[in-house]
mmCIF file of all heavy atoms, coordinates in Angstrom:
data_MODEL
# 
_entry.id   MODEL 
# 
loop_
_atom_site.group_PDB 
_atom_site.id 
_atom_site.type_symbol 
_atom_site.label_atom_id 
_atom_site.label_alt_id 
_atom_site.label_comp_id 
_atom_site.label_asym_id 
_atom_site.label_entity_id 
_atom_site.label_seq_id 
_atom_site.pdbx_PDB_ins_code 
_atom_site.Cartn_x 
_atom_site.Cartn_y 
_atom_site.Cartn_z 
_atom_site.occupancy 
_atom_site.B_iso_or_equiv 
_atom_site.pdbx_formal_charge 
_atom_site.auth_seq_id 
_atom_site.auth_comp_id 
_atom_site.auth_asym_id 
_atom_site.auth_atom_id 
_atom_site.pdbx_PDB_model_num 
ATOM 1   N N   . THR A 1 1  ? 83.564  94.886  74.889 1.00 0.00 ? 1  THR A N   1 
ATOM 2   C CA  . THR A 1 1  ? 82.786  93.955  74.178 1.00 0.00 ? 1  THR A CA  1 
ATOM 3   C C   . THR A 1 1  ? 82.227  92.916  74.982 1.00 0.00 ? 1  THR A C   1 
ATOM 4   O O   . THR A 1 1  ? 80.994  92.573  74.855 1.00 0.00 ? 1  THR A O   1 
ATOM 5   C CB  . THR A 1 1  ? 83.740  93.293  73.096 1.00 0.00 ? 1  THR A CB  1 
ATOM 6   O OG1 . THR A 1 1  ? 84.215  94.287  72.243 1.00 0.00 ? 1  THR A OG1 1 
ATOM 7   C CG2 . THR A 1 1  ? 82.906  92.316  72.198 1.00 0.00 ? 1  THR A CG2 1 
ATOM 8   N N   . PHE A 1 2  ? 82.977  92.318  75.948 1.00 0.00 ? 2  PHE A N   1 
ATOM 9   C CA  . PHE A 1 2  ? 82.483  91.191  76.751 1.00 0.00 ? 2  PHE A CA  1 
ATOM 10  C C   . PHE A 1 2  ? 82.200  91.639  78.239 1.00 0.00 ? 2  PHE A C   1 
ATOM 11  O O   . PHE A 1 2  ? 81.607  90.816  78.954 1.00 0.00 ? 2  PHE A O   1 
ATOM 12  C CB  . PHE A 1 2  ? 83.638  90.120  76.809 1.00 0.00 ? 2  PHE A CB  1 
ATOM 13  C CG  . PHE A 1 2  ? 83.855  89.509  75.473 1.00 0.00 ? 2  PHE A CG  1 
ATOM 14  C CD1 . PHE A 1 2  ? 85.167  89.359  75.004 1.00 0.00 ? 2  PHE A CD1 1 
ATOM 15  C CD2 . PHE A 1 2  ? 82.877  89.095  74.745 1.00 0.00 ? 2  PHE A CD2 1 
ATOM 16  C CE1 . PHE A 1 2  ? 85.413  88.720  73.858 1.00 0.00 ? 2  PHE A CE1 1 
ATOM 17  C CE2 . PHE A 1 2  ? 83.145  88.475  73.477 1.00 0.00 ? 2  PHE A CE2 1 
ATOM 18  C CZ  . PHE A 1 2  ? 84.403  88.352  73.037 1.00 0.00 ? 2  PHE A CZ  1 
ATOM 19  N N   . ALA A 1 3  ? 82.609  92.778  78.732 1.00 0.00 ? 3  ALA A N   1 
ATOM 20  C CA  . ALA A 1 3  ? 82.386  93.147  80.029 1.00 0.00 ? 3  ALA A CA  1 
ATOM 21  C C   . ALA A 1 3  ? 82.411  94.696  80.231 1.00 0.00 ? 3  ALA A C   1 
ATOM 22  O O   . ALA A 1 3  ? 82.646  95.394  79.285 1.00 0.00 ? 3  ALA A O   1 
ATOM 23  C CB  . ALA A 1 3  ? 83.437  92.522  80.915 1.00 0.00 ? 3  ALA A CB  1 
ATOM 24  N N   . ASP A 1 4  ? 82.334  95.140  81.456 1.00 0.00 ? 4  ASP A N   1 
ATOM 25  C CA  . ASP A 1 4  ? 82.337  96.658  81.596 1.00 0.00 ? 4  ASP A CA  1 
ATOM 26  C C   . ASP A 1 4  ? 83.781  97.109  81.579 1.00 0.00 ? 4  ASP A C   1 
ATOM 27  O O   . ASP A 1 4  ? 84.815  96.269  81.594 1.00 0.00 ? 4  ASP A O   1 
ATOM 28  C CB  . ASP A 1 4  ? 81.607  96.895  82.991 1.00 0.00 ? 4  ASP A CB  1 
ATOM 29  C CG  . ASP A 1 4  ? 82.166  96.162  84.118 1.00 0.00 ? 4  ASP A CG  1 
ATOM 30  O OD1 . ASP A 1 4  ? 82.974  95.175  83.983 1.00 0.00 ? 4  ASP A OD1 1 
ATOM 31  O OD2 . ASP A 1 4  ? 81.854  96.549  85.281 1.00 0.00 ? 4  ASP A OD2 1 
ATOM 32  N N   . SER A 1 5  ? 83.953  98.405  81.591 1.00 0.00 ? 5  SER A N   1 
ATOM 33  C CA  . SER A 1 5  ? 85.237  99.013  81.393 1.00 0.00 ? 5  SER A CA  1 
ATOM 34  C C   . SER A 1 5  ? 86.185  98.876  82.568 1.00 0.00 ? 5  SER A C   1 
ATOM 35  O O   . SER A 1 5  ? 87.374  98.768  82.363 1.00 0.00 ? 5  SER A O   1 
ATOM 36  C CB  . SER A 1 5  ? 85.014  100.447 80.921 1.00 0.00 ? 5  SER A CB  1 
ATOM 37  O OG  . SER A 1 5  ? 84.440  101.194 81.936 1.00 0.00 ? 5  SER A OG  1 
ATOM 38  N N   . THR A 1 6  ? 85.619  99.014  83.816 1.00 0.00 ? 6  THR A N   1 
ATOM 39  C CA  . THR A 1 6  ? 86.381  98.967  84.972 1.00 0.00 ? 6  THR A CA  1 
ATOM 40  C C   . THR A 1 6  ? 87.517  99.979  85.135 1.00 0.00 ? 6  THR A C   1 
ATOM 41  O O   . THR A 1 6  ? 88.640  99.752  85.016 1.00 0.00 ? 6  THR A O   1 
ATOM 42  C CB  . THR A 1 6  ? 86.961  97.619  85.288 1.00 0.00 ? 6  THR A CB  1 
ATOM 43  O OG1 . THR A 1 6  ? 86.020  96.637  85.001 1.00 0.00 ? 6  THR A OG1 1 
ATOM 44  C CG2 . THR A 1 6  ? 87.450  97.419  86.703 1.00 0.00 ? 6  THR A CG2 1 
ATOM 45  N N   . PRO A 1 7  ? 87.145  101.423 85.242 1.00 0.00 ? 7  PRO A N   1 
ATOM 46  C CA  . PRO A 1 7  ? 88.166  102.395 85.383 1.00 0.00 ? 7  PRO A CA  1 
ATOM 47  C C   . PRO A 1 7  ? 88.850  102.135 86.766 1.00 0.00 ? 7  PRO A C   1 
ATOM 48  O O   . PRO A 1 7  ? 88.237  101.804 87.793 1.00 0.00 ? 7  PRO A O   1 
ATOM 49  C CB  . PRO A 1 7  ? 87.340  103.656 85.441 1.00 0.00 ? 7  PRO A CB  1 
ATOM 50  C CG  . PRO A 1 7  ? 85.935  103.199 85.849 1.00 0.00 ? 7  PRO A CG  1 
ATOM 51  C CD  . PRO A 1 7  ? 85.734  101.908 85.332 1.00 0.00 ? 7  PRO A CD  1 
ATOM 52  N N   . THR A 1 8  ? 90.162  102.376 86.758 1.00 0.00 ? 8  THR A N   1 
ATOM 53  C CA  . THR A 1 8  ? 90.943  102.062 87.933 1.00 0.00 ? 8  THR A CA  1 
ATOM 54  C C   . THR A 1 8  ? 91.825  103.299 88.409 1.00 0.00 ? 8  THR A C   1 
ATOM 55  O O   . THR A 1 8  ? 92.279  103.251 89.536 1.00 0.00 ? 8  THR A O   1 
ATOM 56  C CB  . THR A 1 8  ? 91.956  100.918 87.661 1.00 0.00 ? 8  THR A CB  1 
ATOM 57  O OG1 . THR A 1 8  ? 92.657  101.240 86.440 1.00 0.00 ? 8  THR A OG1 1 
ATOM 58  C CG2 . THR A 1 8  ? 91.131  99.553  87.535 1.00 0.00 ? 8  THR A CG2 1 
ATOM 59  N N   . CYS A 1 9  ? 91.969  104.275 87.626 1.00 0.00 ? 9  CYS A N   1 
ATOM 60  C CA  . CYS A 1 9  ? 92.889  105.351 88.129 1.00 0.00 ? 9  CYS A CA  1 
ATOM 61  C C   . CYS A 1 9  ? 92.493  106.703 87.388 1.00 0.00 ? 9  CYS A C   1 
ATOM 62  O O   . CYS A 1 9  ? 91.973  106.689 86.257 1.00 0.00 ? 9  CYS A O   1 
ATOM 63  C CB  . CYS A 1 9  ? 94.368  104.975 87.738 1.00 0.00 ? 9  CYS A CB  1 
ATOM 64  S SG  . CYS A 1 9  ? 94.717  104.794 85.953 1.00 0.00 ? 9  CYS A SG  1 
ATOM 65  N N   . ALA A 1 10 ? 92.940  107.749 87.958 1.00 0.00 ? 10 ALA A N   1 
ATOM 66  C CA  . ALA A 1 10 ? 92.718  109.109 87.419 1.00 0.00 ? 10 ALA A CA  1 
ATOM 67  C C   . ALA A 1 10 ? 93.891  109.942 87.707 1.00 0.00 ? 10 ALA A C   1 
ATOM 68  O O   . ALA A 1 10 ? 94.510  109.830 88.762 1.00 0.00 ? 10 ALA A O   1 
ATOM 69  C CB  . ALA A 1 10 ? 91.438  109.767 87.962 1.00 0.00 ? 10 ALA A CB  1 
ATOM 70  N N   . CYS A 1 11 ? 94.358  110.802 86.742 1.00 0.00 ? 11 CYS A N   1 
ATOM 71  C CA  . CYS A 1 11 ? 95.358  111.750 86.939 1.00 0.00 ? 11 CYS A CA  1 
ATOM 72  C C   . CYS A 1 11 ? 95.031  112.976 86.178 1.00 0.00 ? 11 CYS A C   1 
ATOM 73  O O   . CYS A 1 11 ? 94.238  112.943 85.228 1.00 0.00 ? 11 CYS A O   1 
ATOM 74  C CB  . CYS A 1 11 ? 96.740  111.148 86.622 1.00 0.00 ? 11 CYS A CB  1 
ATOM 75  S SG  . CYS A 1 11 ? 96.782  110.514 84.955 1.00 0.00 ? 11 CYS A SG  1 
ATOM 76  N N   . GLN A 1 12 ? 95.712  114.121 86.527 1.00 0.00 ? 12 GLN A N   1 
ATOM 77  C CA  . GLN A 1 12 ? 95.559  115.360 85.813 1.00 0.00 ? 12 GLN A CA  1 
ATOM 78  C C   . GLN A 1 12 ? 96.675  115.584 84.892 1.00 0.00 ? 12 GLN A C   1 
ATOM 79  O O   . GLN A 1 12 ? 97.910  115.456 85.220 1.00 0.00 ? 12 GLN A O   1 
ATOM 80  C CB  . GLN A 1 12 ? 95.429  116.465 86.758 1.00 0.00 ? 12 GLN A CB  1 
ATOM 81  C CG  . GLN A 1 12 ? 95.055  117.845 86.157 1.00 0.00 ? 12 GLN A CG  1 
ATOM 82  C CD  . GLN A 1 12 ? 94.760  118.870 87.146 1.00 0.00 ? 12 GLN A CD  1 
ATOM 83  O OE1 . GLN A 1 12 ? 95.663  119.102 88.142 1.00 0.00 ? 12 GLN A OE1 1 
ATOM 84  N NE2 . GLN A 1 12 ? 93.670  119.578 87.082 1.00 0.00 ? 12 GLN A NE2 1 
ATOM 85  N N   . GLY A 1 13 ? 96.388  115.848 83.593 1.00 0.00 ? 13 GLY A N   1 
ATOM 86  C CA  . GLY A 1 13 ? 97.368  115.997 82.582 1.00 0.00 ? 13 GLY A CA  1 
ATOM 87  C C   . GLY A 1 13 ? 97.994  117.390 82.622 1.00 0.00 ? 13 GLY A C   1 
ATOM 88  O O   . GLY A 1 13 ? 97.439  118.286 83.187 1.00 0.00 ? 13 GLY A O   1 
ATOM 89  N N   . PRO A 1 14 ? 99.021  117.620 81.786 1.00 0.00 ? 14 PRO A N   1 
ATOM 90  C CA  . PRO A 1 14 ? 99.582  118.901 81.639 1.00 0.00 ? 14 PRO A CA  1 
ATOM 91  C C   . PRO A 1 14 ? 98.703  119.937 81.150 1.00 0.00 ? 14 PRO A C   1 
ATOM 92  O O   . PRO A 1 14 ? 98.865  121.239 81.343 1.00 0.00 ? 14 PRO A O   1 
ATOM 93  C CB  . PRO A 1 14 ? 100.760 118.726 80.573 1.00 0.00 ? 14 PRO A CB  1 
ATOM 94  C CG  . PRO A 1 14 ? 101.073 117.212 80.595 1.00 0.00 ? 14 PRO A CG  1 
ATOM 95  C CD  . PRO A 1 14 ? 99.757  116.589 80.957 1.00 0.00 ? 14 PRO A CD  1 
ATOM 96  N N   . ASP A 1 15 ? 97.640  119.492 80.461 1.00 0.00 ? 15 ASP A N   1 
ATOM 97  C CA  . ASP A 1 15 ? 96.558  120.426 79.949 1.00 0.00 ? 15 ASP A CA  1 
ATOM 98  C C   . ASP A 1 15 ? 95.475  120.838 80.969 1.00 0.00 ? 15 ASP A C   1 
ATOM 99  O O   . ASP A 1 15 ? 94.538  121.508 80.546 1.00 0.00 ? 15 ASP A O   1 
ATOM 100 C CB  . ASP A 1 15 ? 95.870  119.896 78.642 1.00 0.00 ? 15 ASP A CB  1 
ATOM 101 C CG  . ASP A 1 15 ? 95.336  118.442 78.836 1.00 0.00 ? 15 ASP A CG  1 
ATOM 102 O OD1 . ASP A 1 15 ? 95.488  117.905 80.012 1.00 0.00 ? 15 ASP A OD1 1 
ATOM 103 O OD2 . ASP A 1 15 ? 94.857  117.902 77.868 1.00 0.00 ? 15 ASP A OD2 1 
ATOM 104 N N   . GLY A 1 16 ? 95.579  120.141 82.175 1.00 0.00 ? 16 GLY A N   1 
ATOM 105 C CA  . GLY A 1 16 ? 94.661  120.450 83.303 1.00 0.00 ? 16 GLY A CA  1 
ATOM 106 C C   . GLY A 1 16 ? 93.403  119.571 83.128 1.00 0.00 ? 16 GLY A C   1 
ATOM 107 O O   . GLY A 1 16 ? 92.576  119.595 84.035 1.00 0.00 ? 16 GLY A O   1 
ATOM 108 N N   . LEU A 1 17 ? 93.321  118.717 82.143 1.00 0.00 ? 17 LEU A N   1 
ATOM 109 C CA  . LEU A 1 17 ? 92.098  117.695 82.019 1.00 0.00 ? 17 LEU A CA  1 
ATOM 110 C C   . LEU A 1 17 ? 92.447  116.533 82.745 1.00 0.00 ? 17 LEU A C   1 
ATOM 111 O O   . LEU A 1 17 ? 93.596  116.209 83.121 1.00 0.00 ? 17 LEU A O   1 
ATOM 112 C CB  . LEU A 1 17 ? 91.809  117.512 80.515 1.00 0.00 ? 17 LEU A CB  1 
ATOM 113 C CG  . LEU A 1 17 ? 91.442  118.769 79.717 1.00 0.00 ? 17 LEU A CG  1 
ATOM 114 C CD1 . LEU A 1 17 ? 91.070  118.343 78.217 1.00 0.00 ? 17 LEU A CD1 1 
ATOM 115 C CD2 . LEU A 1 17 ? 90.448  119.603 80.365 1.00 0.00 ? 17 LEU A CD2 1 
ATOM 116 N N   . LEU A 1 18 ? 91.460  115.594 82.877 1.00 0.00 ? 18 LEU A N   1 
ATOM 117 C CA  . LEU A 1 18 ? 91.573  114.403 83.598 1.00 0.00 ? 18 LEU A CA  1 
ATOM 118 C C   . LEU A 1 18 ? 91.800  113.267 82.618 1.00 0.00 ? 18 LEU A C   1 
ATOM 119 O O   . LEU A 1 18 ? 91.162  113.149 81.501 1.00 0.00 ? 18 LEU A O   1 
ATOM 120 C CB  . LEU A 1 18 ? 90.403  114.178 84.426 1.00 0.00 ? 18 LEU A CB  1 
ATOM 121 C CG  . LEU A 1 18 ? 90.086  115.159 85.585 1.00 0.00 ? 18 LEU A CG  1 
ATOM 122 C CD1 . LEU A 1 18 ? 88.956  114.562 86.485 1.00 0.00 ? 18 LEU A CD1 1 
ATOM 123 C CD2 . LEU A 1 18 ? 91.273  115.487 86.341 1.00 0.00 ? 18 LEU A CD2 1 
ATOM 124 N N   . TYR A 1 19 ? 92.610  112.284 83.016 1.00 0.00 ? 19 TYR A N   1 
ATOM 125 C CA  . TYR A 1 19 ? 92.873  111.099 82.238 1.00 0.00 ? 19 TYR A CA  1 
ATOM 126 C C   . TYR A 1 19 ? 92.674  109.929 83.062 1.00 0.00 ? 19 TYR A C   1 
ATOM 127 O O   . TYR A 1 19 ? 93.127  109.798 84.161 1.00 0.00 ? 19 TYR A O   1 
ATOM 128 C CB  . TYR A 1 19 ? 94.401  111.122 81.725 1.00 0.00 ? 19 TYR A CB  1 
ATOM 129 C CG  . TYR A 1 19 ? 94.714  112.208 80.718 1.00 0.00 ? 19 TYR A CG  1 
ATOM 130 C CD1 . TYR A 1 19 ? 94.801  113.540 81.136 1.00 0.00 ? 19 TYR A CD1 1 
ATOM 131 C CD2 . TYR A 1 19 ? 94.756  111.878 79.431 1.00 0.00 ? 19 TYR A CD2 1 
ATOM 132 C CE1 . TYR A 1 19 ? 95.017  114.537 80.305 1.00 0.00 ? 19 TYR A CE1 1 
ATOM 133 C CE2 . TYR A 1 19 ? 94.997  112.898 78.470 1.00 0.00 ? 19 TYR A CE2 1 
ATOM 134 C CZ  . TYR A 1 19 ? 95.084  114.230 78.939 1.00 0.00 ? 19 TYR A CZ  1 
ATOM 135 O OH  . TYR A 1 19 ? 95.358  115.243 77.947 1.00 0.00 ? 19 TYR A OH  1 
ATOM 136 N N   . ILE A 1 20 ? 91.652  109.009 82.601 1.00 0.00 ? 20 ILE A N   1 
ATOM 137 C CA  . ILE A 1 20 ? 91.153  107.862 83.344 1.00 0.00 ? 20 ILE A CA  1 
ATOM 138 C C   . ILE A 1 20 ? 91.589  106.690 82.655 1.00 0.00 ? 20 ILE A C   1 
ATOM 139 O O   . ILE A 1 20 ? 91.303  106.484 81.422 1.00 0.00 ? 20 ILE A O   1 
ATOM 140 C CB  . ILE A 1 20 ? 89.552  107.965 83.332 1.00 0.00 ? 20 ILE A CB  1 
ATOM 141 C CG1 . ILE A 1 20 ? 89.117  109.390 83.739 1.00 0.00 ? 20 ILE A CG1 1 
ATOM 142 C CG2 . ILE A 1 20 ? 89.118  106.898 84.375 1.00 0.00 ? 20 ILE A CG2 1 
ATOM 143 C CD1 . ILE A 1 20 ? 89.589  109.881 85.124 1.00 0.00 ? 20 ILE A CD1 1 
ATOM 144 N N   . GLY A 1 21 ? 92.269  105.795 83.376 1.00 0.00 ? 21 GLY A N   1 
ATOM 145 C CA  . GLY A 1 21 ? 92.698  104.448 82.778 1.00 0.00 ? 21 GLY A CA  1 
ATOM 146 C C   . GLY A 1 21 ? 91.656  103.438 83.174 1.00 0.00 ? 21 GLY A C   1 
ATOM 147 O O   . GLY A 1 21 ? 91.097  103.393 84.259 1.00 0.00 ? 21 GLY A O   1 
ATOM 148 N N   . THR A 1 22 ? 91.536  102.360 82.239 1.00 0.00 ? 22 THR A N   1 
ATOM 149 C CA  . THR A 1 22 ? 90.609  101.353 82.537 1.00 0.00 ? 22 THR A CA  1 
ATOM 150 C C   . THR A 1 22 ? 91.400  99.930  82.580 1.00 0.00 ? 22 THR A C   1 
ATOM 151 O O   . THR A 1 22 ? 92.498  99.818  82.071 1.00 0.00 ? 22 THR A O   1 
ATOM 152 C CB  . THR A 1 22 ? 89.579  101.193 81.431 1.00 0.00 ? 22 THR A CB  1 
ATOM 153 O OG1 . THR A 1 22 ? 90.071  100.768 80.193 1.00 0.00 ? 22 THR A OG1 1 
ATOM 154 C CG2 . THR A 1 22 ? 88.851  102.533 81.239 1.00 0.00 ? 22 THR A CG2 1 
ATOM 155 N N   . LEU A 1 23 ? 90.703  99.010  83.302 1.00 0.00 ? 23 LEU A N   1 
ATOM 156 C CA  . LEU A 1 23 ? 91.283  97.661  83.414 1.00 0.00 ? 23 LEU A CA  1 
ATOM 157 C C   . LEU A 1 23 ? 90.943  96.855  82.181 1.00 0.00 ? 23 LEU A C   1 
ATOM 158 O O   . LEU A 1 23 ? 91.761  96.052  81.613 1.00 0.00 ? 23 LEU A O   1 
ATOM 159 C CB  . LEU A 1 23 ? 90.783  97.009  84.632 1.00 0.00 ? 23 LEU A CB  1 
ATOM 160 C CG  . LEU A 1 23 ? 91.475  95.750  85.162 1.00 0.00 ? 23 LEU A CG  1 
ATOM 161 C CD1 . LEU A 1 23 ? 92.815  96.097  85.668 1.00 0.00 ? 23 LEU A CD1 1 
ATOM 162 C CD2 . LEU A 1 23 ? 90.666  95.102  86.302 1.00 0.00 ? 23 LEU A CD2 1 
ATOM 163 N N   . ALA A 1 24 ? 89.714  96.866  81.770 1.00 0.00 ? 24 ALA A N   1 
ATOM 164 C CA  . ALA A 1 24 ? 89.208  96.136  80.610 1.00 0.00 ? 24 ALA A CA  1 
ATOM 165 C C   . ALA A 1 24 ? 89.758  94.599  80.676 1.00 0.00 ? 24 ALA A C   1 
ATOM 166 O O   . ALA A 1 24 ? 90.281  94.020  79.770 1.00 0.00 ? 24 ALA A O   1 
ATOM 167 C CB  . ALA A 1 24 ? 89.708  96.732  79.351 1.00 0.00 ? 24 ALA A CB  1 
ATOM 168 N N   . LEU A 1 25 ? 89.605  94.066  81.855 1.00 0.00 ? 25 LEU A N   1 
ATOM 169 C CA  . LEU A 1 25 ? 90.182  92.784  82.224 1.00 0.00 ? 25 LEU A CA  1 
ATOM 170 C C   . LEU A 1 25 ? 89.705  91.641  81.316 1.00 0.00 ? 25 LEU A C   1 
ATOM 171 O O   . LEU A 1 25 ? 90.545  90.905  80.651 1.00 0.00 ? 25 LEU A O   1 
ATOM 172 C CB  . LEU A 1 25 ? 89.957  92.423  83.581 1.00 0.00 ? 25 LEU A CB  1 
ATOM 173 C CG  . LEU A 1 25 ? 90.729  91.191  84.165 1.00 0.00 ? 25 LEU A CG  1 
ATOM 174 C CD1 . LEU A 1 25 ? 92.236  91.382  84.176 1.00 0.00 ? 25 LEU A CD1 1 
ATOM 175 C CD2 . LEU A 1 25 ? 90.256  90.885  85.597 1.00 0.00 ? 25 LEU A CD2 1 
ATOM 176 N N   . VAL A 1 26 ? 88.434  91.439  81.191 1.00 0.00 ? 26 VAL A N   1 
ATOM 177 C CA  . VAL A 1 26 ? 87.845  90.288  80.468 1.00 0.00 ? 26 VAL A CA  1 
ATOM 178 C C   . VAL A 1 26 ? 88.301  90.320  78.989 1.00 0.00 ? 26 VAL A C   1 
ATOM 179 O O   . VAL A 1 26 ? 88.703  89.431  78.358 1.00 0.00 ? 26 VAL A O   1 
ATOM 180 C CB  . VAL A 1 26 ? 86.427  90.104  80.717 1.00 0.00 ? 26 VAL A CB  1 
ATOM 181 C CG1 . VAL A 1 26 ? 85.793  88.953  79.847 1.00 0.00 ? 26 VAL A CG1 1 
ATOM 182 C CG2 . VAL A 1 26 ? 86.060  89.927  82.154 1.00 0.00 ? 26 VAL A CG2 1 
ATOM 183 N N   . ASP A 1 27 ? 88.053  91.558  78.391 1.00 0.00 ? 27 ASP A N   1 
ATOM 184 C CA  . ASP A 1 27 ? 88.353  91.653  76.991 1.00 0.00 ? 27 ASP A CA  1 
ATOM 185 C C   . ASP A 1 27 ? 89.833  91.488  76.721 1.00 0.00 ? 27 ASP A C   1 
ATOM 186 O O   . ASP A 1 27 ? 90.193  90.962  75.717 1.00 0.00 ? 27 ASP A O   1 
ATOM 187 C CB  . ASP A 1 27 ? 87.907  93.144  76.572 1.00 0.00 ? 27 ASP A CB  1 
ATOM 188 C CG  . ASP A 1 27 ? 86.446  93.086  76.444 1.00 0.00 ? 27 ASP A CG  1 
ATOM 189 O OD1 . ASP A 1 27 ? 85.669  93.097  77.456 1.00 0.00 ? 27 ASP A OD1 1 
ATOM 190 O OD2 . ASP A 1 27 ? 85.897  93.256  75.323 1.00 0.00 ? 27 ASP A OD2 1 
ATOM 191 N N   . SER A 1 28 ? 90.725  91.956  77.692 1.00 0.00 ? 28 SER A N   1 
ATOM 192 C CA  . SER A 1 28 ? 92.168  91.697  77.506 1.00 0.00 ? 28 SER A CA  1 
ATOM 193 C C   . SER A 1 28 ? 92.506  90.303  77.535 1.00 0.00 ? 28 SER A C   1 
ATOM 194 O O   . SER A 1 28 ? 93.505  89.770  76.840 1.00 0.00 ? 28 SER A O   1 
ATOM 195 C CB  . SER A 1 28 ? 92.933  92.526  78.502 1.00 0.00 ? 28 SER A CB  1 
ATOM 196 O OG  . SER A 1 28 ? 92.828  93.953  78.339 1.00 0.00 ? 28 SER A OG  1 
# 
């Protein structure tokens, strides 16, 4: 809402797909 998403990490799940975590600092 207030800023960009800022992705910070990636990992591969048990299903073989990628999971990307975000910081979302300003909105938090």
